[in-house]
Amino acid sequence: MNKAIITVVGKDTVGIIAKICTYLAEHKINILDISQTIVSGYFNMMMIVDLSEAKGDFKVIADELDELGKEIGVIVKCQREDIFDSMHRI
């Protein structure tokens, strides 16, 4: 399985989850796990996704998610699971 971690952070507004999930569905990216919370008006979401069937290159997907985040006023980061794990290993 080809997994990635997607994080979304920013001021809470209507439609953040819908827009991110629509992009993922359109690109055949499966959400394996999702957690989201709102703290004092700030939205925070973390997803583990499966890119095995994804349409497109990882770099293109990460860049497009970054652009989508800018359009909706949030920061979206997409990292490969193995790199994320290496960066956060104690």
Protein backbone atom coordinates (compact mmCIF):
# COMPACT_ATOMS: atom_id res chain seq x y z
CA MET A 1 0.00 0.00 0.00
CA ASN A 2 1.23 3.48 -0.87
CA LYS A 3 0.21 5.68 2.09
CA ALA A 4 0.45 9.42 2.72
CA ILE A 5 -0.39 11.79 5.55
CA ILE A 6 -2.46 14.86 4.69
CA THR A 7 -2.81 17.69 7.20
CA VAL A 8 -5.16 20.65 6.88
CA VAL A 9 -4.96 23.66 9.22
CA GLY A 10 -6.62 27.08 9.15
CA LYS A 11 -9.54 29.26 10.17
CA ASP A 12 -12.74 27.23 10.20
CA THR A 13 -15.07 27.86 7.28
CA VAL A 14 -17.91 25.97 5.62
CA GLY A 15 -16.86 23.35 3.07
CA ILE A 16 -13.23 22.58 3.96
CA ILE A 17 -13.81 18.84 4.39
CA ALA A 18 -16.08 18.69 1.33
CA LYS A 19 -13.55 20.37 -0.96
CA ILE A 20 -10.59 18.29 0.20
CA CYS A 21 -12.55 15.03 0.08
CA THR A 22 -13.98 15.86 -3.37
CA TYR A 23 -10.44 16.34 -4.69
CA LEU A 24 -9.36 13.02 -3.18
CA ALA A 25 -12.36 11.16 -4.61
CA GLU A 26 -11.80 12.65 -8.08
CA HIS A 27 -8.19 11.42 -8.00
CA LYS A 28 -9.07 7.92 -6.70
CA ILE A 29 -7.31 8.53 -3.37
CA ASN A 30 -8.86 6.44 -0.60
CA ILE A 31 -9.16 7.84 2.93
CA LEU A 32 -8.09 5.16 5.41
CA ASP A 33 -8.37 7.21 8.59
CA ILE A 34 -9.47 10.75 9.38
CA SER A 35 -9.49 12.96 12.44
CA GLN A 36 -10.64 16.54 12.63
CA THR A 37 -11.23 19.07 15.34
CA ILE A 38 -12.03 22.74 15.76
CA VAL A 39 -10.34 24.66 18.57
CA SER A 40 -11.21 28.32 19.16
CA GLY A 41 -12.33 28.74 15.56
CA TYR A 42 -9.31 26.97 14.03
CA PHE A 43 -9.82 23.86 11.93
CA ASN A 44 -7.35 20.97 12.12
CA MET A 45 -7.63 17.73 10.15
CA MET A 46 -5.27 14.81 9.66
CA MET A 47 -5.88 12.00 7.19
CA ILE A 48 -4.07 8.83 6.31
CA VAL A 49 -4.73 8.05 2.66
CA ASP A 50 -3.97 5.26 0.22
CA LEU A 51 -2.42 6.46 -3.05
CA SER A 52 -2.19 2.99 -4.65
CA GLU A 53 -4.91 3.75 -7.22
CA ALA A 54 -4.29 7.51 -7.43
CA LYS A 55 -4.55 9.32 -10.72
CA GLY A 56 -1.33 11.28 -11.09
CA ASP A 57 2.13 11.63 -9.64
CA PHE A 58 2.61 12.18 -5.89
CA LYS A 59 4.37 15.55 -6.46
CA VAL A 60 1.52 16.80 -8.65
CA ILE A 61 -1.08 15.69 -6.11
CA ALA A 62 0.81 17.36 -3.24
CA ASP A 63 1.16 20.59 -5.25
CA GLU A 64 -2.51 20.58 -6.26
CA LEU A 65 -3.60 20.04 -2.65
CA ASP A 66 -1.36 22.94 -1.62
CA GLU A 67 -3.04 25.15 -4.26
CA LEU A 68 -6.51 23.98 -3.22
CA GLY A 69 -5.66 24.93 0.36
CA LYS A 70 -4.66 28.43 -0.74
CA GLU A 71 -7.95 28.79 -2.63
CA ILE A 72 -10.01 27.90 0.46
CA GLY A 73 -7.81 29.69 2.99
CA VAL A 74 -6.12 26.77 4.75
CA ILE A 75 -2.69 25.14 4.72
CA VAL A 76 -2.68 21.64 3.21
CA LYS A 77 0.41 19.45 3.41
CA CYS A 78 0.77 15.99 1.90
CA GLN A 79 3.73 13.79 2.92
CA ARG A 80 4.56 10.21 2.13
CA GLU A 81 4.02 8.02 5.20
CA ASP A 82 7.58 6.69 5.27
CA ILE A 83 9.06 10.22 5.19
CA PHE A 84 6.57 11.42 7.81
CA ASP A 85 7.51 8.49 10.08
CA SER A 86 11.24 9.15 9.61
CA MET A 87 10.84 12.84 10.45
CA HIS A 88 8.88 12.10 13.63
CA ARG A 89 10.88 9.15 14.94
CA ILE A 90 12.13 9.64 18.49
